[in-house]
Amino acid sequence: MITREELLRVASLSKLEIDADDFEHFAEGINNVVELVEELNTVDTEGIEPTFHGNDLMDVYREDTPHLRGDTEQLLANAPEREGNFIKVPEMIESEEA
């Protein structure tokens, strides 16, 4: 069973705020997922070749070449903030103190 500290740490890492009233609801959901994974770990898969995809389709790749897709000013017109020809977004990486 997930502890309160573990849930709050995962929520913090995920940038989620969990109200005290919602703690039991989230803990129950996470515990259900953990129980399902534990149940899957009991299945005997000895001698079964791993499968990563259910069919034999192959990915079709195209050349990764840059090209303009329209007027830059028009594309950036609704951007809340911009820096030159780029949309400026908030920094999402935080360092943890050791």
PDB file of N, CA and C in Angstrom:
ATOM      1  N   MET A   1       0.853  -1.184   0.000  1.00  0.00           N
ATOM      2  CA  MET A   1       0.000   0.000   0.000  1.00  0.00           C
ATOM      3  C   MET A   1       0.897   1.247   0.000  1.00  0.00           C
ATOM      4  N   ILE A   2       0.528   2.223  -0.801  1.00  0.00           N
ATOM      5  CA  ILE A   2       1.312   3.439  -0.907  1.00  0.00           C
ATOM      6  C   ILE A   2       1.129   4.287   0.359  1.00  0.00           C
ATOM      7  N   THR A   3       2.212   4.829   0.837  1.00  0.00           N
ATOM      8  CA  THR A   3       2.136   5.673   2.034  1.00  0.00           C
ATOM      9  C   THR A   3       1.810   7.104   1.629  1.00  0.00           C
ATOM     10  N   ARG A   4       1.389   7.870   2.599  1.00  0.00           N
ATOM     11  CA  ARG A   4       1.066   9.279   2.364  1.00  0.00           C
ATOM     12  C   ARG A   4       2.296  10.012   1.823  1.00  0.00           C
ATOM     13  N   GLU A   5       3.470   9.737   2.402  1.00  0.00           N
ATOM     14  CA  GLU A   5       4.700  10.403   1.977  1.00  0.00           C
ATOM     15  C   GLU A   5       5.038  10.061   0.527  1.00  0.00           C
ATOM     16  N   GLU A   6       4.882   8.772   0.158  1.00  0.00           N
ATOM     17  CA  GLU A   6       5.158   8.358  -1.220  1.00  0.00           C
ATOM     18  C   GLU A   6       4.221   9.044  -2.207  1.00  0.00           C
ATOM     19  N   LEU A   7       2.938   9.092  -1.858  1.00  0.00           N
ATOM     20  CA  LEU A   7       1.966   9.731  -2.743  1.00  0.00           C
ATOM     21  C   LEU A   7       2.257  11.214  -2.896  1.00  0.00           C
ATOM     22  N   LEU A   8       2.586  11.885  -1.807  1.00  0.00           N
ATOM     23  CA  LEU A   8       2.886  13.315  -1.876  1.00  0.00           C
ATOM     24  C   LEU A   8       4.158  13.567  -2.676  1.00  0.00           C
ATOM     25  N   ARG A   9       5.137  12.665  -2.576  1.00  0.00           N
ATOM     26  CA  ARG A   9       6.374  12.816  -3.356  1.00  0.00           C
ATOM     27  C   ARG A   9       6.104  12.642  -4.848  1.00  0.00           C
ATOM     28  N   VAL A  10       5.338  11.615  -5.202  1.00  0.00           N
ATOM     29  CA  VAL A  10       4.992  11.396  -6.606  1.00  0.00           C
ATOM     30  C   VAL A  10       4.181  12.584  -7.139  1.00  0.00           C
ATOM     31  N   ALA A  11       3.257  13.078  -6.341  1.00  0.00           N
ATOM     32  CA  ALA A  11       2.454  14.238  -6.752  1.00  0.00           C
ATOM     33  C   ALA A  11       3.348  15.450  -6.968  1.00  0.00           C
ATOM     34  N   SER A  12       4.309  15.654  -6.097  1.00  0.00           N
ATOM     35  CA  SER A  12       5.230  16.781  -6.227  1.00  0.00           C
ATOM     36  C   SER A  12       6.064  16.663  -7.493  1.00  0.00           C
ATOM     37  N   LEU A  13       6.587  15.471  -7.756  1.00  0.00           N
ATOM     38  CA  LEU A  13       7.381  15.243  -8.959  1.00  0.00           C
ATOM     39  C   LEU A  13       6.538  15.430 -10.221  1.00  0.00           C
ATOM     40  N   SER A  14       5.228  15.157 -10.108  1.00  0.00           N
ATOM     41  CA  SER A  14       4.321  15.285 -11.251  1.00  0.00           C
ATOM     42  C   SER A  14       3.703  16.674 -11.341  1.00  0.00           C
ATOM     43  N   LYS A  15       4.100  17.547 -10.428  1.00  0.00           N
ATOM     44  CA  LYS A  15       3.556  18.906 -10.374  1.00  0.00           C
ATOM     45  C   LYS A  15       2.045  18.893 -10.138  1.00  0.00           C
ATOM     46  N   LEU A  16       1.580  17.969  -9.283  1.00  0.00           N
ATOM     47  CA  LEU A  16       0.163  17.874  -8.935  1.00  0.00           C
ATOM     48  C   LEU A  16      -0.030  18.276  -7.487  1.00  0.00           C
ATOM     49  N   GLU A  17      -1.129  18.950  -7.235  1.00  0.00           N
ATOM     50  CA  GLU A  17      -1.483  19.288  -5.860  1.00  0.00           C
ATOM     51  C   GLU A  17      -2.633  18.383  -5.440  1.00  0.00           C
ATOM     52  N   ILE A  18      -2.487  17.721  -4.320  1.00  0.00           N
ATOM     53  CA  ILE A  18      -3.525  16.826  -3.832  1.00  0.00           C
ATOM     54  C   ILE A  18      -4.062  17.378  -2.517  1.00  0.00           C
ATOM     55  N   ASP A  19      -5.356  17.667  -2.511  1.00  0.00           N
ATOM     56  CA  ASP A  19      -6.000  18.127  -1.279  1.00  0.00           C
ATOM     57  C   ASP A  19      -6.080  16.965  -0.296  1.00  0.00           C
ATOM     58  N   ALA A  20      -6.100  17.294   0.985  1.00  0.00           N
ATOM     59  CA  ALA A  20      -6.201  16.263   2.007  1.00  0.00           C
ATOM     60  C   ALA A  20      -7.465  15.429   1.806  1.00  0.00           C
ATOM     61  N   ASP A  21      -8.549  16.058   1.316  1.00  0.00           N
ATOM     62  CA  ASP A  21      -9.807  15.345   1.092  1.00  0.00           C
ATOM     63  C   ASP A  21      -9.686  14.330  -0.035  1.00  0.00           C
ATOM     64  N   ASP A  22      -8.783  14.563  -0.982  1.00  0.00           N
ATOM     65  CA  ASP A  22      -8.639  13.691  -2.139  1.00  0.00           C
ATOM     66  C   ASP A  22      -7.590  12.597  -1.947  1.00  0.00           C
ATOM     67  N   PHE A  23      -6.851  12.650  -0.842  1.00  0.00           N
ATOM     68  CA  PHE A  23      -5.749  11.711  -0.638  1.00  0.00           C
ATOM     69  C   PHE A  23      -6.211  10.262  -0.737  1.00  0.00           C
ATOM     70  N   GLU A  24      -7.272   9.902  -0.030  1.00  0.00           N
ATOM     71  CA  GLU A  24      -7.744   8.508  -0.017  1.00  0.00           C
ATOM     72  C   GLU A  24      -8.146   8.050  -1.417  1.00  0.00           C
ATOM     73  N   HIS A  25      -8.783   8.933  -2.185  1.00  0.00           N
ATOM     74  CA  HIS A  25      -9.213   8.595  -3.542  1.00  0.00           C
ATOM     75  C   HIS A  25      -8.005   8.281  -4.424  1.00  0.00           C
ATOM     76  N   PHE A  26      -6.987   9.141  -4.386  1.00  0.00           N
ATOM     77  CA  PHE A  26      -5.786   8.927  -5.193  1.00  0.00           C
ATOM     78  C   PHE A  26      -5.023   7.695  -4.718  1.00  0.00           C
ATOM     79  N   ALA A  27      -4.903   7.528  -3.411  1.00  0.00           N
ATOM     80  CA  ALA A  27      -4.176   6.376  -2.868  1.00  0.00           C
ATOM     81  C   ALA A  27      -4.849   5.078  -3.290  1.00  0.00           C
ATOM     82  N   GLU A  28      -6.174   5.037  -3.269  1.00  0.00           N
ATOM     83  CA  GLU A  28      -6.908   3.832  -3.669  1.00  0.00           C
ATOM     84  C   GLU A  28      -6.652   3.520  -5.149  1.00  0.00           C
ATOM     85  N   GLY A  29      -6.687   4.535  -6.000  1.00  0.00           N
ATOM     86  CA  GLY A  29      -6.444   4.336  -7.430  1.00  0.00           C
ATOM     87  C   GLY A  29      -5.043   3.818  -7.700  1.00  0.00           C
ATOM     88  N   ILE A  30      -4.044   4.406  -7.050  1.00  0.00           N
ATOM     89  CA  ILE A  30      -2.660   3.969  -7.249  1.00  0.00           C
ATOM     90  C   ILE A  30      -2.469   2.549  -6.721  1.00  0.00           C
ATOM     91  N   ASN A  31      -3.060   2.257  -5.581  1.00  0.00           N
ATOM     92  CA  ASN A  31      -2.948   0.902  -5.029  1.00  0.00           C
ATOM     93  C   ASN A  31      -3.602  -0.126  -5.946  1.00  0.00           C
ATOM     94  N   ASN A  32      -4.705   0.232  -6.614  1.00  0.00           N
ATOM     95  CA  ASN A  32      -5.342  -0.680  -7.570  1.00  0.00           C
ATOM     96  C   ASN A  32      -4.402  -0.984  -8.736  1.00  0.00           C
ATOM     97  N   VAL A  33      -3.699   0.022  -9.221  1.00  0.00           N
ATOM     98  CA  VAL A  33      -2.751  -0.175 -10.320  1.00  0.00           C
ATOM     99  C   VAL A  33      -1.604  -1.074  -9.864  1.00  0.00           C
ATOM    100  N   VAL A  34      -1.074  -0.824  -8.677  1.00  0.00           N
ATOM    101  CA  VAL A  34       0.034  -1.635  -8.151  1.00  0.00           C
ATOM    102  C   VAL A  34      -0.412  -3.089  -7.985  1.00  0.00           C
ATOM    103  N   GLU A  35      -1.620  -3.304  -7.483  1.00  0.00           N
ATOM    104  CA  GLU A  35      -2.136  -4.664  -7.315  1.00  0.00           C
ATOM    105  C   GLU A  35      -2.261  -5.366  -8.667  1.00  0.00           C
ATOM    106  N   LEU A  36      -2.707  -4.645  -9.700  1.00  0.00           N
ATOM    107  CA  LEU A  36      -2.828  -5.237 -11.026  1.00  0.00           C
ATOM    108  C   LEU A  36      -1.467  -5.654 -11.568  1.00  0.00           C
ATOM    109  N   VAL A  37      -0.460  -4.797 -11.395  1.00  0.00           N
ATOM    110  CA  VAL A  37       0.886  -5.125 -11.859  1.00  0.00           C
ATOM    111  C   VAL A  37       1.414  -6.330 -11.093  1.00  0.00           C
ATOM    112  N   GLU A  38       1.171  -6.377  -9.784  1.00  0.00           N
ATOM    113  CA  GLU A  38       1.624  -7.525  -8.990  1.00  0.00           C
ATOM    114  C   GLU A  38       0.937  -8.808  -9.465  1.00  0.00           C
ATOM    115  N   GLU A  39      -0.343  -8.709  -9.830  1.00  0.00           N
ATOM    116  CA  GLU A  39      -1.062  -9.877 -10.342  1.00  0.00           C
ATOM    117  C   GLU A  39      -0.474 -10.330 -11.678  1.00  0.00           C
ATOM    118  N   LEU A  40      -0.135  -9.376 -12.544  1.00  0.00           N
ATOM    119  CA  LEU A  40       0.476  -9.725 -13.830  1.00  0.00           C
ATOM    120  C   LEU A  40       1.832 -10.395 -13.631  1.00  0.00           C
ATOM    121  N   ASN A  41       2.552 -10.023 -12.588  1.00  0.00           N
ATOM    122  CA  ASN A  41       3.860 -10.616 -12.324  1.00  0.00           C
ATOM    123  C   ASN A  41       3.755 -12.087 -11.915  1.00  0.00           C
ATOM    124  N   THR A  42       2.565 -12.542 -11.542  1.00  0.00           N
ATOM    125  CA  THR A  42       2.398 -13.948 -11.143  1.00  0.00           C
ATOM    126  C   THR A  42       2.160 -14.862 -12.337  1.00  0.00           C
ATOM    127  N   VAL A  43       1.905 -14.291 -13.515  1.00  0.00           N
ATOM    128  CA  VAL A  43       1.633 -15.100 -14.712  1.00  0.00           C
ATOM    129  C   VAL A  43       2.923 -15.781 -15.168  1.00  0.00           C
ATOM    130  N   ASP A  44       2.826 -17.092 -15.435  1.00  0.00           N
ATOM    131  CA  ASP A  44       3.985 -17.863 -15.893  1.00  0.00           C
ATOM    132  C   ASP A  44       4.236 -17.561 -17.362  1.00  0.00           C
ATOM    133  N   THR A  45       5.333 -16.911 -17.663  1.00  0.00           N
ATOM    134  CA  THR A  45       5.679 -16.558 -19.040  1.00  0.00           C
ATOM    135  C   THR A  45       6.915 -17.318 -19.516  1.00  0.00           C
ATOM    136  N   GLU A  46       7.269 -18.374 -18.804  1.00  0.00           N
ATOM    137  CA  GLU A  46       8.432 -19.178 -19.175  1.00  0.00           C
ATOM    138  C   GLU A  46       8.238 -19.744 -20.578  1.00  0.00           C
ATOM    139  N   GLY A  47       9.235 -19.520 -21.448  1.00  0.00           N
ATOM    140  CA  GLY A  47       9.197 -20.049 -22.799  1.00  0.00           C
ATOM    141  C   GLY A  47       8.377 -19.239 -23.784  1.00  0.00           C
ATOM    142  N   ILE A  48       7.823 -18.130 -23.341  1.00  0.00           N
ATOM    143  CA  ILE A  48       7.033 -17.285 -24.245  1.00  0.00           C
ATOM    144  C   ILE A  48       7.915 -16.138 -24.721  1.00  0.00           C
ATOM    145  N   GLU A  49       8.017 -16.000 -26.041  1.00  0.00           N
ATOM    146  CA  GLU A  49       8.844 -14.952 -26.620  1.00  0.00           C
ATOM    147  C   GLU A  49       8.181 -13.589 -26.414  1.00  0.00           C
ATOM    148  N   PRO A  50       8.947 -12.579 -26.002  1.00  0.00           N
ATOM    149  CA  PRO A  50       8.366 -11.252 -25.789  1.00  0.00           C
ATOM    150  C   PRO A  50       7.767 -10.688 -27.076  1.00  0.00           C
ATOM    151  N   THR A  51       6.661  -9.990 -26.939  1.00  0.00           N
ATOM    152  CA  THR A  51       6.003  -9.345 -28.065  1.00  0.00           C
ATOM    153  C   THR A  51       5.900  -7.856 -27.752  1.00  0.00           C
ATOM    154  N   PHE A  52       6.320  -7.044 -28.690  1.00  0.00           N
ATOM    155  CA  PHE A  52       6.266  -5.610 -28.467  1.00  0.00           C
ATOM    156  C   PHE A  52       5.136  -4.962 -29.243  1.00  0.00           C
ATOM    157  N   HIS A  53       4.589  -5.674 -30.206  1.00  0.00           N
ATOM    158  CA  HIS A  53       3.506  -5.130 -30.998  1.00  0.00           C
ATOM    159  C   HIS A  53       2.638  -6.280 -31.460  1.00  0.00           C
ATOM    160  N   GLY A  54       1.361  -6.053 -31.576  1.00  0.00           N
ATOM    161  CA  GLY A  54       0.439  -7.118 -31.908  1.00  0.00           C
ATOM    162  C   GLY A  54       0.346  -7.473 -33.373  1.00  0.00           C
ATOM    163  N   ASN A  55       1.013  -6.725 -34.235  1.00  0.00           N
ATOM    164  CA  ASN A  55       0.951  -7.063 -35.657  1.00  0.00           C
ATOM    165  C   ASN A  55       2.314  -6.841 -36.305  1.00  0.00           C
ATOM    166  N   ASP A  56       2.413  -7.172 -37.567  1.00  0.00           N
ATOM    167  CA  ASP A  56       3.696  -7.103 -38.263  1.00  0.00           C
ATOM    168  C   ASP A  56       3.905  -5.807 -39.041  1.00  0.00           C
ATOM    169  N   LEU A  57       3.121  -4.783 -38.746  1.00  0.00           N
ATOM    170  CA  LEU A  57       3.278  -3.522 -39.460  1.00  0.00           C
ATOM    171  C   LEU A  57       4.628  -2.894 -39.132  1.00  0.00           C
ATOM    172  N   MET A  58       5.218  -2.292 -40.112  1.00  0.00           N
ATOM    173  CA  MET A  58       6.488  -1.605 -39.919  1.00  0.00           C
ATOM    174  C   MET A  58       6.234  -0.100 -39.925  1.00  0.00           C
ATOM    175  N   ASP A  59       7.002   0.634 -39.143  1.00  0.00           N
ATOM    176  CA  ASP A  59       6.901   2.090 -39.154  1.00  0.00           C
ATOM    177  C   ASP A  59       7.414   2.623 -40.483  1.00  0.00           C
ATOM    178  N   VAL A  60       6.752   3.638 -40.969  1.00  0.00           N
ATOM    179  CA  VAL A  60       7.186   4.291 -42.191  1.00  0.00           C
ATOM    180  C   VAL A  60       7.745   5.640 -41.785  1.00  0.00           C
ATOM    181  N   TYR A  61       8.999   5.861 -42.067  1.00  0.00           N
ATOM    182  CA  TYR A  61       9.653   7.099 -41.675  1.00  0.00           C
ATOM    183  C   TYR A  61       9.823   7.996 -42.889  1.00  0.00           C
ATOM    184  N   ARG A  62       9.736   9.273 -42.644  1.00  0.00           N
ATOM    185  CA  ARG A  62      10.013  10.234 -43.696  1.00  0.00           C
ATOM    186  C   ARG A  62      11.294  10.961 -43.341  1.00  0.00           C
ATOM    187  N   GLU A  63      11.889  11.574 -44.307  1.00  0.00           N
ATOM    188  CA  GLU A  63      13.092  12.365 -44.083  1.00  0.00           C
ATOM    189  C   GLU A  63      12.754  13.517 -43.134  1.00  0.00           C
ATOM    190  N   ASP A  64      13.562  13.722 -42.133  1.00  0.00           N
ATOM    191  CA  ASP A  64      13.339  14.786 -41.159  1.00  0.00           C
ATOM    192  C   ASP A  64      13.987  16.067 -41.664  1.00  0.00           C
ATOM    193  N   THR A  65      13.249  16.799 -42.479  1.00  0.00           N
ATOM    194  CA  THR A  65      13.776  18.041 -43.037  1.00  0.00           C
ATOM    195  C   THR A  65      12.879  19.198 -42.617  1.00  0.00           C
ATOM    196  N   PRO A  66      13.481  20.307 -42.218  1.00  0.00           N
ATOM    197  CA  PRO A  66      12.668  21.457 -41.814  1.00  0.00           C
ATOM    198  C   PRO A  66      12.039  22.137 -43.028  1.00  0.00           C
ATOM    199  N   HIS A  67      10.840  22.632 -42.840  1.00  0.00           N
ATOM    200  CA  HIS A  67      10.198  23.419 -43.886  1.00  0.00           C
ATOM    201  C   HIS A  67       9.158  24.328 -43.245  1.00  0.00           C
ATOM    202  N   LEU A  68       8.916  25.454 -43.870  1.00  0.00           N
ATOM    203  CA  LEU A  68       7.960  26.418 -43.338  1.00  0.00           C
ATOM    204  C   LEU A  68       6.543  25.916 -43.527  1.00  0.00           C
ATOM    205  N   ARG A  69       5.713  26.148 -42.520  1.00  0.00           N
ATOM    206  CA  ARG A  69       4.322  25.707 -42.583  1.00  0.00           C
ATOM    207  C   ARG A  69       3.363  26.892 -42.522  1.00  0.00           C
ATOM    208  N   GLY A  70       3.803  28.040 -42.895  1.00  0.00           N
ATOM    209  CA  GLY A  70       2.908  29.195 -42.871  1.00  0.00           C
ATOM    210  C   GLY A  70       3.648  30.439 -42.446  1.00  0.00           C
ATOM    211  N   ASP A  71       2.921  31.508 -42.319  1.00  0.00           N
ATOM    212  CA  ASP A  71       3.472  32.796 -41.937  1.00  0.00           C
ATOM    213  C   ASP A  71       3.826  32.791 -40.451  1.00  0.00           C
ATOM    214  N   THR A  72       5.088  33.036 -40.127  1.00  0.00           N
ATOM    215  CA  THR A  72       5.557  32.994 -38.745  1.00  0.00           C
ATOM    216  C   THR A  72       4.769  33.952 -37.860  1.00  0.00           C
ATOM    217  N   GLU A  73       4.538  35.157 -38.305  1.00  0.00           N
ATOM    218  CA  GLU A  73       3.795  36.129 -37.503  1.00  0.00           C
ATOM    219  C   GLU A  73       2.384  35.646 -37.204  1.00  0.00           C
ATOM    220  N   GLN A  74       1.752  35.057 -38.197  1.00  0.00           N
ATOM    221  CA  GLN A  74       0.403  34.549 -37.998  1.00  0.00           C
ATOM    222  C   GLN A  74       0.414  33.364 -37.019  1.00  0.00           C
ATOM    223  N   LEU A  75       1.417  32.502 -37.127  1.00  0.00           N
ATOM    224  CA  LEU A  75       1.522  31.353 -36.228  1.00  0.00           C
ATOM    225  C   LEU A  75       1.765  31.780 -34.782  1.00  0.00           C
ATOM    226  N   LEU A  76       2.520  32.868 -34.598  1.00  0.00           N
ATOM    227  CA  LEU A  76       2.857  33.320 -33.240  1.00  0.00           C
ATOM    228  C   LEU A  76       1.885  34.366 -32.701  1.00  0.00           C
ATOM    229  N   ALA A  77       0.878  34.719 -33.448  1.00  0.00           N
ATOM    230  CA  ALA A  77      -0.039  35.784 -33.049  1.00  0.00           C
ATOM    231  C   ALA A  77      -0.741  35.495 -31.724  1.00  0.00           C
ATOM    232  N   ASN A  78      -1.065  34.250 -31.443  1.00  0.00           N
ATOM    233  CA  ASN A  78      -1.781  33.901 -30.213  1.00  0.00           C
ATOM    234  C   ASN A  78      -0.875  33.420 -29.089  1.00  0.00           C
ATOM    235  N   ALA A  79       0.429  33.433 -29.314  1.00  0.00           N
ATOM    236  CA  ALA A  79       1.358  32.989 -28.268  1.00  0.00           C
ATOM    237  C   ALA A  79       1.316  33.970 -27.107  1.00  0.00           C
ATOM    238  N   PRO A  80       1.195  33.486 -25.885  1.00  0.00           N
ATOM    239  CA  PRO A  80       1.155  34.392 -24.738  1.00  0.00           C
ATOM    240  C   PRO A  80       2.450  35.179 -24.562  1.00  0.00           C
ATOM    241  N   GLU A  81       3.573  34.533 -24.866  1.00  0.00           N
ATOM    242  CA  GLU A  81       4.867  35.200 -24.784  1.00  0.00           C
ATOM    243  C   GLU A  81       5.745  34.638 -25.882  1.00  0.00           C
ATOM    244  N   ARG A  82       6.583  35.479 -26.432  1.00  0.00           N
ATOM    245  CA  ARG A  82       7.483  35.000 -27.466  1.00  0.00           C
ATOM    246  C   ARG A  82       8.846  35.623 -27.302  1.00  0.00           C
ATOM    247  N   GLU A  83       9.823  34.954 -27.865  1.00  0.00           N
ATOM    248  CA  GLU A  83      11.185  35.452 -27.867  1.00  0.00           C
ATOM    249  C   GLU A  83      11.696  35.267 -29.288  1.00  0.00           C
ATOM    250  N   GLY A  84      11.748  36.343 -30.023  1.00  0.00           N
ATOM    251  CA  GLY A  84      12.101  36.256 -31.434  1.00  0.00           C
ATOM    252  C   GLY A  84      11.015  35.510 -32.177  1.00  0.00           C
ATOM    253  N   ASN A  85      11.396  34.474 -32.915  1.00  0.00           N
ATOM    254  CA  ASN A  85      10.424  33.662 -33.651  1.00  0.00           C
ATOM    255  C   ASN A  85      10.046  32.382 -32.916  1.00  0.00           C
ATOM    256  N   PHE A  86      10.170  32.400 -31.591  1.00  0.00           N
ATOM    257  CA  PHE A  86       9.873  31.211 -30.807  1.00  0.00           C
ATOM    258  C   PHE A  86       8.846  31.536 -29.729  1.00  0.00           C
ATOM    259  N   ILE A  87       8.038  30.541 -29.359  1.00  0.00           N
ATOM    260  CA  ILE A  87       7.110  30.698 -28.245  1.00  0.00           C
ATOM    261  C   ILE A  87       7.902  30.490 -26.967  1.00  0.00           C
ATOM    262  N   LYS A  88       7.793  31.434 -26.045  1.00  0.00           N
ATOM    263  CA  LYS A  88       8.510  31.338 -24.780  1.00  0.00           C
ATOM    264  C   LYS A  88       7.617  30.587 -23.788  1.00  0.00           C
ATOM    265  N   VAL A  89       8.189  29.548 -23.175  1.00  0.00           N
ATOM    266  CA  VAL A  89       7.434  28.728 -22.233  1.00  0.00           C
ATOM    267  C   VAL A  89       8.120  28.753 -20.865  1.00  0.00           C
ATOM    268  N   PRO A  90       7.388  28.496 -19.791  1.00  0.00           N
ATOM    269  CA  PRO A  90       8.010  28.497 -18.472  1.00  0.00           C
ATOM    270  C   PRO A  90       8.998  27.349 -18.326  1.00  0.00           C
ATOM    271  N   GLU A  91      10.014  27.578 -17.524  1.00  0.00           N
ATOM    272  CA  GLU A  91      11.009  26.537 -17.242  1.00  0.00           C
ATOM    273  C   GLU A  91      10.337  25.441 -16.435  1.00  0.00           C
ATOM    274  N   MET A  92      10.531  24.186 -16.824  1.00  0.00           N
ATOM    275  CA  MET A  92       9.860  23.079 -16.161  1.00  0.00           C
ATOM    276  C   MET A  92      10.800  22.187 -15.364  1.00  0.00           C
ATOM    277  N   ILE A  93      12.096  22.384 -15.478  1.00  0.00           N
ATOM    278  CA  ILE A  93      13.044  21.513 -14.792  1.00  0.00           C
ATOM    279  C   ILE A  93      13.496  22.193 -13.507  1.00  0.00           C
ATOM    280  N   GLU A  94      13.346  21.466 -12.425  1.00  0.00           N
ATOM    281  CA  GLU A  94      13.791  21.968 -11.128  1.00  0.00           C
ATOM    282  C   GLU A  94      14.819  21.008 -10.569  1.00  0.00           C
ATOM    283  N   SER A  95      15.764  21.528  -9.845  1.00  0.00           N
ATOM    284  CA  SER A  95      16.761  20.651  -9.254  1.00  0.00           C
ATOM    285  C   SER A  95      16.334  20.330  -7.823  1.00  0.00           C
ATOM    286  N   GLU A  96      16.600  19.092  -7.428  1.00  0.00           N
ATOM    287  CA  GLU A  96      16.311  18.684  -6.059  1.00  0.00           C
ATOM    288  C   GLU A  96      17.530  18.936  -5.203  1.00  0.00           C
ATOM    289  N   GLU A  97      17.265  19.375  -3.997  1.00  0.00           N
ATOM    290  CA  GLU A  97      18.386  19.571  -3.082  1.00  0.00           C
ATOM    291  C   GLU A  97      18.819  18.214  -2.541  1.00  0.00           C
ATOM    292  N   ALA A  98      20.105  18.041  -2.449  1.00  0.00           N
ATOM    293  CA  ALA A  98      20.632  16.746  -1.989  1.00  0.00           C
ATOM    294  C   ALA A  98      20.419  16.550  -0.520  1.00  0.00           C
TER     295      ALA A  98
END
